[in-house]
C-alpha atoms as a PDB file:
ATOM      1  CA  UNK A   1       3.318  -4.683   9.688  1.00  0.00           C
ATOM      2  CA  UNK A   2       5.758  -4.516  11.504  1.00  0.00           C
ATOM      3  CA  UNK A   3       6.455  -1.281  13.872  1.00  0.00           C
ATOM      4  CA  UNK A   4       9.585   0.057  14.609  1.00  0.00           C
ATOM      5  CA  UNK A   5      10.607   1.107  17.774  1.00  0.00           C
ATOM      6  CA  UNK A   6      12.955   3.775  18.869  1.00  0.00           C
ATOM      7  CA  UNK A   7      13.675   5.408  22.295  1.00  0.00           C
ATOM      8  CA  UNK A   8      12.664   9.091  23.107  1.00  0.00           C
ATOM      9  CA  UNK A   9      15.822  11.097  23.930  1.00  0.00           C
ATOM     10  CA  UNK A  10      13.792  13.019  26.734  1.00  0.00           C
ATOM     11  CA  UNK A  11      11.988   9.881  28.002  1.00  0.00           C
ATOM     12  CA  UNK A  12      13.082   6.000  29.152  1.00  0.00           C
ATOM     13  CA  UNK A  13      10.003   4.525  27.634  1.00  0.00           C
ATOM     14  CA  UNK A  14       9.940   3.281  24.296  1.00  0.00           C
ATOM     15  CA  UNK A  15       7.721   5.153  21.207  1.00  0.00           C
ATOM     16  CA  UNK A  16       5.704   3.054  18.754  1.00  0.00           C
ATOM     17  CA  UNK A  17       5.396   4.474  15.147  1.00  0.00           C
ATOM     18  CA  UNK A  18       3.603   2.511  11.977  1.00  0.00           C
ATOM     19  CA  UNK A  19       6.122   4.284   9.924  1.00  0.00           C
ATOM     20  CA  UNK A  20       9.956   3.429   9.612  1.00  0.00           C
ATOM     21  CA  UNK A  21      12.220   6.350  10.267  1.00  0.00           C
ATOM     22  CA  UNK A  22      13.410   9.109   7.746  1.00  0.00           C
ATOM     23  CA  UNK A  23      16.925   7.925   7.009  1.00  0.00           C
ATOM     24  CA  UNK A  24      19.447  10.687   6.603  1.00  0.00           C
ATOM     25  CA  UNK A  25      21.344  10.588   3.023  1.00  0.00           C
ATOM     26  CA  UNK A  26      24.380  12.426   1.877  1.00  0.00           C
ATOM     27  CA  UNK A  27      24.214  13.921  -1.681  1.00  0.00           C
ATOM     28  CA  UNK A  28      25.339  11.200  -3.884  1.00  0.00           C
ATOM     29  CA  UNK A  29      25.203  12.397  -7.354  1.00  0.00           C
ATOM     30  CA  UNK A  30      21.971  10.184  -7.863  1.00  0.00           C
ATOM     31  CA  UNK A  31      19.394   9.792 -10.620  1.00  0.00           C
ATOM     32  CA  UNK A  32      16.045  11.522  -9.792  1.00  0.00           C
ATOM     33  CA  UNK A  33      13.415   9.909 -10.999  1.00  0.00           C
ATOM     34  CA  UNK A  34       9.904  11.580 -10.716  1.00  0.00           C
ATOM     35  CA  UNK A  35       6.931   9.036  -9.029  1.00  0.00           C
ATOM     36  CA  UNK A  36       4.117   8.572 -11.034  1.00  0.00           C
ATOM     37  CA  UNK A  37       1.223   6.719 -10.736  1.00  0.00           C
ATOM     38  CA  UNK A  38      -0.458   5.364 -14.411  1.00  0.00           C
ATOM     39  CA  UNK A  39      -2.469   3.227 -15.464  1.00  0.00           C
ATOM     40  CA  UNK A  40       0.213   1.614 -18.030  1.00  0.00           C
ATOM     41  CA  UNK A  41       3.732   1.133 -17.715  1.00  0.00           C
ATOM     42  CA  UNK A  42       4.168   2.583 -21.345  1.00  0.00           C
ATOM     43  CA  UNK A  43       2.397   5.783 -20.095  1.00  0.00           C
ATOM     44  CA  UNK A  44       5.656   6.730 -18.356  1.00  0.00           C
ATOM     45  CA  UNK A  45       7.585   9.439 -20.166  1.00  0.00           C
ATOM     46  CA  UNK A  46      11.434   9.740 -19.621  1.00  0.00           C
ATOM     47  CA  UNK A  47      12.929   9.890 -16.385  1.00  0.00           C
ATOM     48  CA  UNK A  48       9.926   8.640 -14.404  1.00  0.00           C
ATOM     49  CA  UNK A  49       8.837   5.820 -12.453  1.00  0.00           C
ATOM     50  CA  UNK A  50       6.237   3.583 -10.892  1.00  0.00           C
ATOM     51  CA  UNK A  51       5.899   0.825  -8.304  1.00  0.00           C
ATOM     52  CA  UNK A  52       3.643  -1.745  -8.598  1.00  0.00           C
ATOM     53  CA  UNK A  53       2.991  -5.352  -7.348  1.00  0.00           C
ATOM     54  CA  UNK A  54       4.202  -8.350  -9.045  1.00  0.00           C
ATOM     55  CA  UNK A  55       3.527 -12.134  -8.550  1.00  0.00           C
ATOM     56  CA  UNK A  56       5.266 -14.804  -9.559  1.00  0.00           C
ATOM     57  CA  UNK A  57       4.860 -18.897  -9.259  1.00  0.00           C
ATOM     58  CA  UNK A  58       4.472 -20.222  -5.906  1.00  0.00           C
ATOM     59  CA  UNK A  59       2.063 -17.198  -5.247  1.00  0.00           C
ATOM     60  CA  UNK A  60       4.800 -15.122  -4.175  1.00  0.00           C
ATOM     61  CA  UNK A  61       4.578 -11.270  -4.329  1.00  0.00           C
ATOM     62  CA  UNK A  62       6.407  -8.468  -4.238  1.00  0.00           C
ATOM     63  CA  UNK A  63       7.029  -4.689  -5.191  1.00  0.00           C
ATOM     64  CA  UNK A  64       8.721  -4.115  -8.667  1.00  0.00           C
ATOM     65  CA  UNK A  65      10.091  -0.611  -9.144  1.00  0.00           C
ATOM     66  CA  UNK A  66       9.396  -0.023 -13.341  1.00  0.00           C
ATOM     67  CA  UNK A  67      11.188   3.349 -15.013  1.00  0.00           C
ATOM     68  CA  UNK A  68      11.565   4.889 -18.651  1.00  0.00           C
ATOM     69  CA  UNK A  69      15.291   5.865 -18.598  1.00  0.00           C
ATOM     70  CA  UNK A  70      17.954   6.038 -21.698  1.00  0.00           C
ATOM     71  CA  UNK A  71      20.519   3.295 -22.417  1.00  0.00           C
ATOM     72  CA  UNK A  72      23.735   4.269 -21.201  1.00  0.00           C
ATOM     73  CA  UNK A  73      25.367   2.737 -24.882  1.00  0.00           C
ATOM     74  CA  UNK A  74      22.841   4.539 -27.461  1.00  0.00           C
ATOM     75  CA  UNK A  75      20.805   7.053 -25.662  1.00  0.00           C
ATOM     76  CA  UNK A  76      17.550   5.479 -26.573  1.00  0.00           C
ATOM     77  CA  UNK A  77      14.900   4.929 -24.144  1.00  0.00           C
ATOM     78  CA  UNK A  78      13.972   1.457 -22.608  1.00  0.00           C
ATOM     79  CA  UNK A  79      12.015   0.220 -19.426  1.00  0.00           C
ATOM     80  CA  UNK A  80      13.988  -0.871 -16.342  1.00  0.00           C
ATOM     81  CA  UNK A  81      11.833  -3.135 -14.060  1.00  0.00           C
ATOM     82  CA  UNK A  82      13.676  -4.384 -10.724  1.00  0.00           C
ATOM     83  CA  UNK A  83      12.067  -5.898  -7.372  1.00  0.00           C
ATOM     84  CA  UNK A  84      12.222  -3.641  -4.478  1.00  0.00           C
ATOM     85  CA  UNK A  85      11.916  -3.802  -0.863  1.00  0.00           C
ATOM     86  CA  UNK A  86      10.330  -0.945   0.391  1.00  0.00           C
ATOM     87  CA  UNK A  87      11.566   0.246   3.973  1.00  0.00           C
ATOM     88  CA  UNK A  88      13.923  -2.572   3.736  1.00  0.00           C
ATOM     89  CA  UNK A  89      17.294  -3.227   2.840  1.00  0.00           C
ATOM     90  CA  UNK A  90      18.845  -4.942  -0.581  1.00  0.00           C
ATOM     91  CA  UNK A  91      18.287  -9.152  -0.153  1.00  0.00           C
ATOM     92  CA  UNK A  92      20.489 -11.037  -2.356  1.00  0.00           C
ATOM     93  CA  UNK A  93      17.051 -13.560  -3.145  1.00  0.00           C
ATOM     94  CA  UNK A  94      14.193 -11.683  -2.508  1.00  0.00           C
ATOM     95  CA  UNK A  95      10.268 -13.043  -2.873  1.00  0.00           C
ATOM     96  CA  UNK A  96      10.733 -12.565  -6.741  1.00  0.00           C
ATOM     97  CA  UNK A  97      13.442 -15.069  -6.686  1.00  0.00           C
ATOM     98  CA  UNK A  98      15.845 -12.329  -7.649  1.00  0.00           C
ATOM     99  CA  UNK A  99      18.034  -9.802  -6.381  1.00  0.00           C
ATOM    100  CA  UNK A 100      16.153  -7.236  -4.517  1.00  0.00           C
ATOM    101  CA  UNK A 101      16.886  -3.537  -4.388  1.00  0.00           C
ATOM    102  CA  UNK A 102      16.574  -1.913  -0.925  1.00  0.00           C
ATOM    103  CA  UNK A 103      14.293   1.364  -0.619  1.00  0.00           C
ATOM    104  CA  UNK A 104      14.565   3.762   2.092  1.00  0.00           C
ATOM    105  CA  UNK A 105      12.619   7.060   2.917  1.00  0.00           C
ATOM    106  CA  UNK A 106      15.007   9.704   2.507  1.00  0.00           C
ATOM    107  CA  UNK A 107      12.330  12.826   3.035  1.00  0.00           C
ATOM    108  CA  UNK A 108       8.488  13.200   3.386  1.00  0.00           C
ATOM    109  CA  UNK A 109       8.274  12.122  -0.775  1.00  0.00           C
ATOM    110  CA  UNK A 110      11.417  10.916  -1.450  1.00  0.00           C
ATOM    111  CA  UNK A 111      12.995   7.422  -1.700  1.00  0.00           C
ATOM    112  CA  UNK A 112      16.294   6.173  -2.156  1.00  0.00           C
ATOM    113  CA  UNK A 113      17.286   2.699  -3.616  1.00  0.00           C
ATOM    114  CA  UNK A 114      20.537   0.772  -2.572  1.00  0.00           C
ATOM    115  CA  UNK A 115      22.913  -0.133  -3.917  1.00  0.00           C
ATOM    116  CA  UNK A 116      23.068   0.969  -7.169  1.00  0.00           C
ATOM    117  CA  UNK A 117      20.697  -0.771 -10.417  1.00  0.00           C
ATOM    118  CA  UNK A 118      23.201  -2.375 -12.702  1.00  0.00           C
ATOM    119  CA  UNK A 119      21.108  -3.435 -15.835  1.00  0.00           C
ATOM    120  CA  UNK A 120      23.418  -5.466 -18.125  1.00  0.00           C
ATOM    121  CA  UNK A 121      22.927  -6.595 -21.821  1.00  0.00           C
ATOM    122  CA  UNK A 122      22.729 -10.238 -23.206  1.00  0.00           C
ATOM    123  CA  UNK A 123      26.011 -12.640 -22.433  1.00  0.00           C
ATOM    124  CA  UNK A 124      28.510 -11.960 -24.918  1.00  0.00           C
ATOM    125  CA  UNK A 125      29.706 -15.120 -27.370  1.00  0.00           C
ATOM    126  CA  UNK A 126      32.580 -15.796 -25.109  1.00  0.00           C
ATOM    127  CA  UNK A 127      30.318 -16.295 -22.219  1.00  0.00           C
ATOM    128  CA  UNK A 128      31.329 -13.285 -20.310  1.00  0.00           C
ATOM    129  CA  UNK A 129      29.061 -10.321 -19.184  1.00  0.00           C
ATOM    130  CA  UNK A 130      27.368  -8.072 -21.405  1.00  0.00           C
ATOM    131  CA  UNK A 131      27.468  -4.311 -21.698  1.00  0.00           C
ATOM    132  CA  UNK A 132      25.891  -2.053 -18.873  1.00  0.00           C
ATOM    133  CA  UNK A 133      22.896  -0.601 -20.247  1.00  0.00           C
ATOM    134  CA  UNK A 134      21.579   1.724 -17.562  1.00  0.00           C
ATOM    135  CA  UNK A 135      23.694   1.715 -13.933  1.00  0.00           C
ATOM    136  CA  UNK A 136      22.483   4.309 -11.900  1.00  0.00           C
ATOM    137  CA  UNK A 137      21.388   4.522  -8.125  1.00  0.00           C
ATOM    138  CA  UNK A 138      18.000   6.021  -8.432  1.00  0.00           C
ATOM    139  CA  UNK A 139      16.290   8.174  -5.869  1.00  0.00           C
ATOM    140  CA  UNK A 140      12.241   8.396  -6.195  1.00  0.00           C
ATOM    141  CA  UNK A 141      11.102  11.468  -6.261  1.00  0.00           C
ATOM    142  CA  UNK A 142       7.536  12.782  -5.448  1.00  0.00           C
ATOM    143  CA  UNK A 143       5.805   9.798  -3.820  1.00  0.00           C
ATOM    144  CA  UNK A 144       2.211  11.078  -3.034  1.00  0.00           C
ATOM    145  CA  UNK A 145       1.184  10.174   0.635  1.00  0.00           C
ATOM    146  CA  UNK A 146      -0.998   6.954   0.824  1.00  0.00           C
ATOM    147  CA  UNK A 147       1.043   4.905  -1.702  1.00  0.00           C
ATOM    148  CA  UNK A 148       0.442   1.405  -0.599  1.00  0.00           C
ATOM    149  CA  UNK A 149       3.536   0.312  -1.369  1.00  0.00           C
ATOM    150  CA  UNK A 150       5.209   2.580   0.893  1.00  0.00           C
ATOM    151  CA  UNK A 151       3.494   1.093   4.235  1.00  0.00           C
ATOM    152  CA  UNK A 152       2.064  -2.364   2.857  1.00  0.00           C
ATOM    153  CA  UNK A 153       2.499  -5.551   1.579  1.00  0.00           C
ATOM    154  CA  UNK A 154       1.881  -6.608  -2.079  1.00  0.00           C
END
């Protein structure tokens, strides 16, 4: 795992830390998703999430955020799953071969997804983008210490 380096304001030498610095984020009007460690994704309640390792072709691995949220168009609960990059930025093409959202620590137990996640329905018959089913900038709250994804690779 790469280490972050920062200069102490009172010292001229570099201090090395195994954990990324906590980033201050202004209140964004985001939706909070309560983090929960579950055995099965189907055990998530509404507005809960979990992060699991995922793997695809060519032995690539990544972290996947799973959440149970309400659809914007019908209000019905459904599951959302997107690749995330803990302690890193948004990446156009991540290990999953798809967009990968950044995930930054913003408190002792809270993490902020960036940029917003826009889950889109199927393409319309005219080939245009389908309706937005869920468009939010979630904050993952209540992450217990020691979750593997906070400090390691999948």
